[in-house]
Amino acid sequence: MDDDTGADAALLRRLANGDRAALADAFDRFAPTLVRSAWAVAASRQDVEEIVQDTFLTLWQQAATIDPATSALLPWLLVVCRDRARDQARRTERSADGRTQRGDRSRARRTKAVTHDEH
């Protein structure tokens, strides 16, 4: 077992036991890489922060299910981060689409009202 694998296993054990300091340690160790990864997809700093936060929340919630013998922690986190970034991009896109559609309907109502008033 190499140093990273051993460190991952110890960190995962601590996380699985509810050790909040382990979450802080994981954040210190992996956040810079996850932030860079999130920026590849995210549109804003706020999105990046949310993606990284969600990634660590998922780690906290699922630490007991991660087997360090079969899953290195950084690749696992990067997959979760990528998935959260894609989810965020879809939410942002849907939100923008919703605003556009609402704006179109609102303009249509105003146009209809103006047209109706002119007749």
N, C-alpha and C. Protein backbone atom coordinates (compact mmCIF):
# COMPACT_ATOMS: atom_id res chain seq x y z
N MET A 1 0.86 -1.18 0.00
CA MET A 1 0.00 0.00 0.00
C MET A 1 0.90 1.23 0.00
N ASP A 2 0.74 2.12 -1.01
CA ASP A 2 1.58 3.32 -1.04
C ASP A 2 1.07 4.35 -0.05
N ASP A 3 1.83 5.43 0.10
CA ASP A 3 1.50 6.45 1.10
C ASP A 3 0.13 7.07 0.88
N ASP A 4 -0.20 7.40 -0.39
CA ASP A 4 -1.49 8.01 -0.67
C ASP A 4 -2.64 7.06 -0.36
N THR A 5 -2.47 5.80 -0.74
CA THR A 5 -3.53 4.82 -0.48
C THR A 5 -3.72 4.63 1.02
N GLY A 6 -2.63 4.56 1.74
CA GLY A 6 -2.72 4.43 3.20
C GLY A 6 -3.35 5.66 3.83
N ALA A 7 -2.97 6.83 3.33
CA ALA A 7 -3.54 8.07 3.85
C ALA A 7 -5.03 8.15 3.52
N ASP A 8 -5.39 7.73 2.30
CA ASP A 8 -6.80 7.71 1.91
C ASP A 8 -7.60 6.78 2.82
N ALA A 9 -7.06 5.60 3.07
CA ALA A 9 -7.76 4.62 3.91
C ALA A 9 -7.97 5.17 5.32
N ALA A 10 -6.93 5.77 5.87
CA ALA A 10 -7.04 6.34 7.22
C ALA A 10 -8.05 7.48 7.24
N LEU A 11 -8.00 8.31 6.22
CA LEU A 11 -8.93 9.44 6.13
C LEU A 11 -10.37 8.94 6.00
N LEU A 12 -10.57 7.94 5.17
CA LEU A 12 -11.92 7.39 4.99
C LEU A 12 -12.44 6.75 6.28
N ARG A 13 -11.57 6.08 7.01
CA ARG A 13 -11.99 5.50 8.30
C ARG A 13 -12.44 6.60 9.25
N ARG A 14 -11.66 7.66 9.30
CA ARG A 14 -12.01 8.78 10.18
C ARG A 14 -13.34 9.42 9.75
N LEU A 15 -13.50 9.60 8.45
CA LEU A 15 -14.75 10.18 7.94
C LEU A 15 -15.93 9.27 8.26
N ALA A 16 -15.76 7.99 8.04
CA ALA A 16 -16.83 7.03 8.29
C ALA A 16 -17.22 7.02 9.76
N ASN A 17 -16.28 7.35 10.62
CA ASN A 17 -16.56 7.41 12.06
C ASN A 17 -17.09 8.77 12.50
N GLY A 18 -17.35 9.65 11.53
CA GLY A 18 -17.93 10.95 11.86
C GLY A 18 -16.95 11.99 12.36
N ASP A 19 -15.69 11.80 12.07
CA ASP A 19 -14.65 12.73 12.51
C ASP A 19 -14.66 13.98 11.63
N ARG A 20 -15.17 15.07 12.18
CA ARG A 20 -15.28 16.32 11.40
C ARG A 20 -13.91 16.89 11.04
N ALA A 21 -12.93 16.65 11.87
CA ALA A 21 -11.58 17.12 11.55
C ALA A 21 -11.07 16.41 10.29
N ALA A 22 -11.51 15.19 10.08
CA ALA A 22 -11.12 14.45 8.87
C ALA A 22 -11.68 15.14 7.63
N LEU A 23 -12.88 15.68 7.75
CA LEU A 23 -13.46 16.40 6.62
C LEU A 23 -12.63 17.65 6.32
N ALA A 24 -12.21 18.34 7.36
CA ALA A 24 -11.35 19.51 7.17
C ALA A 24 -10.02 19.09 6.53
N ASP A 25 -9.49 17.97 6.97
CA ASP A 25 -8.24 17.47 6.38
C ASP A 25 -8.43 17.12 4.91
N ALA A 26 -9.54 16.48 4.60
CA ALA A 26 -9.84 16.14 3.20
C ALA A 26 -9.97 17.41 2.37
N PHE A 27 -10.64 18.39 2.93
CA PHE A 27 -10.81 19.65 2.22
C PHE A 27 -9.45 20.29 1.94
N ASP A 28 -8.62 20.37 2.95
CA ASP A 28 -7.29 20.97 2.77
C ASP A 28 -6.48 20.23 1.71
N ARG A 29 -6.63 18.93 1.70
CA ARG A 29 -5.84 18.10 0.79
C ARG A 29 -6.35 18.15 -0.65
N PHE A 30 -7.68 18.13 -0.82
CA PHE A 30 -8.23 17.93 -2.16
C PHE A 30 -8.94 19.14 -2.77
N ALA A 31 -9.31 20.11 -1.98
CA ALA A 31 -10.10 21.24 -2.50
C ALA A 31 -9.43 21.97 -3.66
N PRO A 32 -8.14 22.26 -3.59
CA PRO A 32 -7.54 22.99 -4.72
C PRO A 32 -7.71 22.26 -6.06
N THR A 33 -7.55 20.96 -6.05
CA THR A 33 -7.72 20.18 -7.28
C THR A 33 -9.18 20.18 -7.72
N LEU A 34 -10.09 20.06 -6.77
CA LEU A 34 -11.51 20.05 -7.12
C LEU A 34 -11.97 21.41 -7.63
N VAL A 35 -11.44 22.47 -7.07
CA VAL A 35 -11.78 23.81 -7.55
C VAL A 35 -11.35 23.97 -9.00
N ARG A 36 -10.14 23.55 -9.31
CA ARG A 36 -9.67 23.63 -10.71
C ARG A 36 -10.57 22.80 -11.63
N SER A 37 -10.95 21.64 -11.17
CA SER A 37 -11.82 20.78 -11.97
C SER A 37 -13.19 21.42 -12.18
N ALA A 38 -13.74 21.99 -11.14
CA ALA A 38 -15.07 22.61 -11.23
C ALA A 38 -15.05 23.82 -12.17
N TRP A 39 -13.96 24.57 -12.17
CA TRP A 39 -13.87 25.73 -13.06
C TRP A 39 -13.93 25.33 -14.53
N ALA A 40 -13.61 24.08 -14.83
CA ALA A 40 -13.66 23.63 -16.23
C ALA A 40 -15.09 23.64 -16.76
N VAL A 41 -16.06 23.58 -15.87
CA VAL A 41 -17.47 23.50 -16.28
C VAL A 41 -18.29 24.68 -15.77
N ALA A 42 -17.96 25.17 -14.60
CA ALA A 42 -18.80 26.16 -13.92
C ALA A 42 -18.71 27.53 -14.58
N ALA A 43 -19.80 28.27 -14.42
CA ALA A 43 -19.89 29.60 -15.02
C ALA A 43 -19.50 30.72 -14.06
N SER A 44 -19.46 30.43 -12.77
CA SER A 44 -19.19 31.49 -11.81
C SER A 44 -18.48 30.93 -10.58
N ARG A 45 -17.90 31.84 -9.83
CA ARG A 45 -17.23 31.45 -8.58
C ARG A 45 -18.24 30.81 -7.63
N GLN A 46 -19.44 31.37 -7.59
CA GLN A 46 -20.49 30.82 -6.73
C GLN A 46 -20.80 29.38 -7.12
N ASP A 47 -20.87 29.11 -8.41
CA ASP A 47 -21.12 27.74 -8.87
C ASP A 47 -19.98 26.82 -8.46
N VAL A 48 -18.74 27.28 -8.61
CA VAL A 48 -17.58 26.47 -8.22
C VAL A 48 -17.65 26.14 -6.74
N GLU A 49 -17.94 27.14 -5.93
CA GLU A 49 -18.01 26.91 -4.48
C GLU A 49 -19.11 25.91 -4.14
N GLU A 50 -20.24 26.03 -4.80
CA GLU A 50 -21.35 25.10 -4.55
C GLU A 50 -20.99 23.68 -4.98
N ILE A 51 -20.35 23.56 -6.12
CA ILE A 51 -19.95 22.25 -6.63
C ILE A 51 -18.98 21.57 -5.66
N VAL A 52 -17.98 22.31 -5.23
CA VAL A 52 -16.98 21.75 -4.32
C VAL A 52 -17.62 21.41 -2.97
N GLN A 53 -18.48 22.28 -2.49
CA GLN A 53 -19.18 22.01 -1.23
C GLN A 53 -20.02 20.74 -1.35
N ASP A 54 -20.76 20.62 -2.44
CA ASP A 54 -21.58 19.42 -2.65
C ASP A 54 -20.72 18.16 -2.75
N THR A 55 -19.55 18.30 -3.35
CA THR A 55 -18.64 17.16 -3.47
C THR A 55 -18.20 16.68 -2.09
N PHE A 56 -17.83 17.62 -1.24
CA PHE A 56 -17.40 17.22 0.11
C PHE A 56 -18.56 16.73 0.96
N LEU A 57 -19.74 17.27 0.74
CA LEU A 57 -20.91 16.75 1.44
C LEU A 57 -21.16 15.30 1.04
N THR A 58 -21.03 15.01 -0.24
CA THR A 58 -21.19 13.64 -0.71
C THR A 58 -20.13 12.73 -0.10
N LEU A 59 -18.91 13.21 -0.02
CA LEU A 59 -17.85 12.43 0.63
C LEU A 59 -18.22 12.13 2.07
N TRP A 60 -18.68 13.13 2.78
CA TRP A 60 -19.07 12.97 4.18
C TRP A 60 -20.17 11.92 4.32
N GLN A 61 -21.14 12.01 3.43
CA GLN A 61 -22.30 11.11 3.50
C GLN A 61 -21.97 9.69 3.06
N GLN A 62 -21.02 9.54 2.16
CA GLN A 62 -20.76 8.22 1.58
C GLN A 62 -19.42 7.61 1.96
N ALA A 63 -18.70 8.23 2.86
CA ALA A 63 -17.35 7.76 3.21
C ALA A 63 -17.34 6.29 3.61
N ALA A 64 -18.34 5.86 4.32
CA ALA A 64 -18.37 4.47 4.79
C ALA A 64 -18.54 3.48 3.64
N THR A 65 -19.00 3.94 2.49
CA THR A 65 -19.23 3.04 1.36
C THR A 65 -18.06 2.99 0.39
N ILE A 66 -17.07 3.82 0.60
CA ILE A 66 -15.92 3.88 -0.32
C ILE A 66 -14.87 2.89 0.16
N ASP A 67 -14.46 2.01 -0.72
CA ASP A 67 -13.44 1.01 -0.40
C ASP A 67 -12.09 1.51 -0.91
N PRO A 68 -11.20 1.89 -0.01
CA PRO A 68 -9.91 2.42 -0.47
C PRO A 68 -9.06 1.38 -1.21
N ALA A 69 -9.40 0.12 -1.06
CA ALA A 69 -8.66 -0.92 -1.78
C ALA A 69 -9.01 -0.92 -3.27
N THR A 70 -10.21 -0.43 -3.60
CA THR A 70 -10.64 -0.44 -5.00
C THR A 70 -10.85 0.96 -5.56
N SER A 71 -10.93 1.96 -4.71
CA SER A 71 -11.18 3.33 -5.17
C SER A 71 -10.22 4.29 -4.49
N ALA A 72 -9.33 4.87 -5.28
CA ALA A 72 -8.48 5.92 -4.74
C ALA A 72 -9.36 7.14 -4.51
N LEU A 73 -9.09 7.87 -3.47
CA LEU A 73 -9.98 8.94 -3.06
C LEU A 73 -10.03 10.10 -4.06
N LEU A 74 -8.90 10.55 -4.55
CA LEU A 74 -8.92 11.69 -5.48
C LEU A 74 -9.72 11.39 -6.74
N PRO A 75 -9.50 10.28 -7.41
CA PRO A 75 -10.34 10.00 -8.59
C PRO A 75 -11.83 9.92 -8.24
N TRP A 76 -12.15 9.34 -7.09
CA TRP A 76 -13.55 9.26 -6.66
C TRP A 76 -14.11 10.67 -6.50
N LEU A 77 -13.36 11.53 -5.84
CA LEU A 77 -13.81 12.91 -5.65
C LEU A 77 -13.94 13.65 -6.98
N LEU A 78 -13.03 13.40 -7.89
CA LEU A 78 -13.11 14.07 -9.20
C LEU A 78 -14.34 13.64 -9.98
N VAL A 79 -14.71 12.39 -9.88
CA VAL A 79 -15.93 11.92 -10.55
C VAL A 79 -17.15 12.59 -9.93
N VAL A 80 -17.20 12.63 -8.61
CA VAL A 80 -18.32 13.29 -7.94
C VAL A 80 -18.36 14.77 -8.32
N CYS A 81 -17.21 15.41 -8.31
CA CYS A 81 -17.13 16.83 -8.67
C CYS A 81 -17.62 17.06 -10.09
N ARG A 82 -17.19 16.22 -11.01
CA ARG A 82 -17.63 16.34 -12.40
C ARG A 82 -19.14 16.19 -12.50
N ASP A 83 -19.68 15.20 -11.79
CA ASP A 83 -21.13 14.99 -11.82
C ASP A 83 -21.87 16.19 -11.23
N ARG A 84 -21.37 16.73 -10.13
CA ARG A 84 -22.01 17.90 -9.52
C ARG A 84 -21.91 19.11 -10.44
N ALA A 85 -20.79 19.24 -11.13
CA ALA A 85 -20.61 20.36 -12.06
C ALA A 85 -21.59 20.24 -13.22
N ARG A 86 -21.77 19.05 -13.72
CA ARG A 86 -22.74 18.84 -14.80
C ARG A 86 -24.16 19.13 -14.32
N ASP A 87 -24.47 18.68 -13.11
CA ASP A 87 -25.80 18.97 -12.54
C ASP A 87 -26.00 20.48 -12.43
N GLN A 88 -24.99 21.17 -11.96
CA GLN A 88 -25.07 22.63 -11.80
C GLN A 88 -25.25 23.29 -13.16
N ALA A 89 -24.53 22.83 -14.15
CA ALA A 89 -24.65 23.41 -15.50
C ALA A 89 -26.06 23.20 -16.04
N ARG A 90 -26.63 22.03 -15.80
CA ARG A 90 -28.00 21.77 -16.25
C ARG A 90 -28.99 22.68 -15.52
N ARG A 91 -28.80 22.83 -14.20
CA ARG A 91 -29.70 23.72 -13.44
C ARG A 91 -29.60 25.15 -13.95
N THR A 92 -28.39 25.60 -14.20
CA THR A 92 -28.19 26.95 -14.70
C THR A 92 -28.84 27.12 -16.06
N GLU A 93 -28.68 26.12 -16.91
CA GLU A 93 -29.28 26.17 -18.24
C GLU A 93 -30.80 26.19 -18.16
N ARG A 94 -31.36 25.32 -17.32
CA ARG A 94 -32.82 25.29 -17.16
C ARG A 94 -33.33 26.61 -16.60
N SER A 95 -32.60 27.15 -15.65
CA SER A 95 -32.99 28.42 -15.05
C SER A 95 -32.98 29.52 -16.10
N ALA A 96 -31.95 29.55 -16.91
CA ALA A 96 -31.87 30.56 -17.97
C ALA A 96 -32.98 30.34 -18.99
N ASP A 97 -33.24 29.09 -19.33
CA ASP A 97 -34.33 28.79 -20.26
C ASP A 97 -35.67 29.22 -19.68
N GLY A 98 -35.86 28.98 -18.41
CA GLY A 98 -37.11 29.37 -17.75
C GLY A 98 -37.29 30.87 -17.75
N ARG A 99 -36.21 31.59 -17.48
CA ARG A 99 -36.30 33.06 -17.51
C ARG A 99 -36.62 33.53 -18.92
N THR A 100 -36.00 32.92 -19.91
CA THR A 100 -36.25 33.31 -21.29
C THR A 100 -37.70 33.02 -21.66
N GLN A 101 -38.18 31.84 -21.30
CA GLN A 101 -39.56 31.49 -21.63
C GLN A 101 -40.54 32.40 -20.90
N ARG A 102 -40.28 32.67 -19.62
CA ARG A 102 -41.16 33.58 -18.88
C ARG A 102 -41.12 34.97 -19.49
N GLY A 103 -39.91 35.39 -19.89
CA GLY A 103 -39.77 36.70 -20.53
C GLY A 103 -40.52 36.75 -21.84
N ASP A 104 -40.44 35.67 -22.62
CA ASP A 104 -41.17 35.62 -23.89
C ASP A 104 -42.67 35.69 -23.66
N ARG A 105 -43.17 34.95 -22.67
CA ARG A 105 -44.61 34.97 -22.38
C ARG A 105 -45.04 36.35 -21.90
N SER A 106 -44.20 36.96 -21.07
CA SER A 106 -44.52 38.29 -20.56
C SER A 106 -44.55 39.31 -21.70
N ARG A 107 -43.57 39.24 -22.59
CA ARG A 107 -43.56 40.15 -23.75
C ARG A 107 -44.78 39.90 -24.63
N ALA A 108 -45.14 38.64 -24.79
CA ALA A 108 -46.31 38.31 -25.62
C ALA A 108 -47.57 38.90 -25.01
N ARG A 109 -47.71 38.81 -23.68
CA ARG A 109 -48.89 39.38 -23.02
C ARG A 109 -48.91 40.90 -23.18
N ARG A 110 -47.74 41.53 -23.01
CA ARG A 110 -47.69 42.99 -23.15
C ARG A 110 -48.01 43.40 -24.58
N THR A 111 -47.47 42.66 -25.54
CA THR A 111 -47.73 42.96 -26.94
C THR A 111 -49.21 42.79 -27.25
N LYS A 112 -49.78 41.72 -26.74
CA LYS A 112 -51.20 41.46 -26.96
C LYS A 112 -52.04 42.57 -26.32
N ALA A 113 -51.66 43.00 -25.12
CA ALA A 113 -52.40 44.06 -24.44
C ALA A 113 -52.30 45.36 -25.22
N VAL A 114 -51.11 45.68 -25.71
CA VAL A 114 -50.93 46.92 -26.47
C VAL A 114 -51.72 46.84 -27.76
N THR A 115 -51.65 45.71 -28.44
CA THR A 115 -52.38 45.52 -29.69
C THR A 115 -53.87 45.62 -29.44
N HIS A 116 -54.33 45.03 -28.35
CA HIS A 116 -55.76 45.05 -28.01
C HIS A 116 -56.21 46.48 -27.71
N ASP A 117 -55.38 47.24 -27.00
CA ASP A 117 -55.73 48.61 -26.65
C ASP A 117 -55.78 49.51 -27.89
N GLU A 118 -54.99 49.19 -28.89
CA GLU A 118 -54.95 50.02 -30.09
C GLU A 118 -56.19 49.83 -30.95
N HIS A 119 -56.90 48.74 -30.78
CA HIS A 119 -58.07 48.46 -31.63
C HIS A 119 -59.32 48.94 -31.01
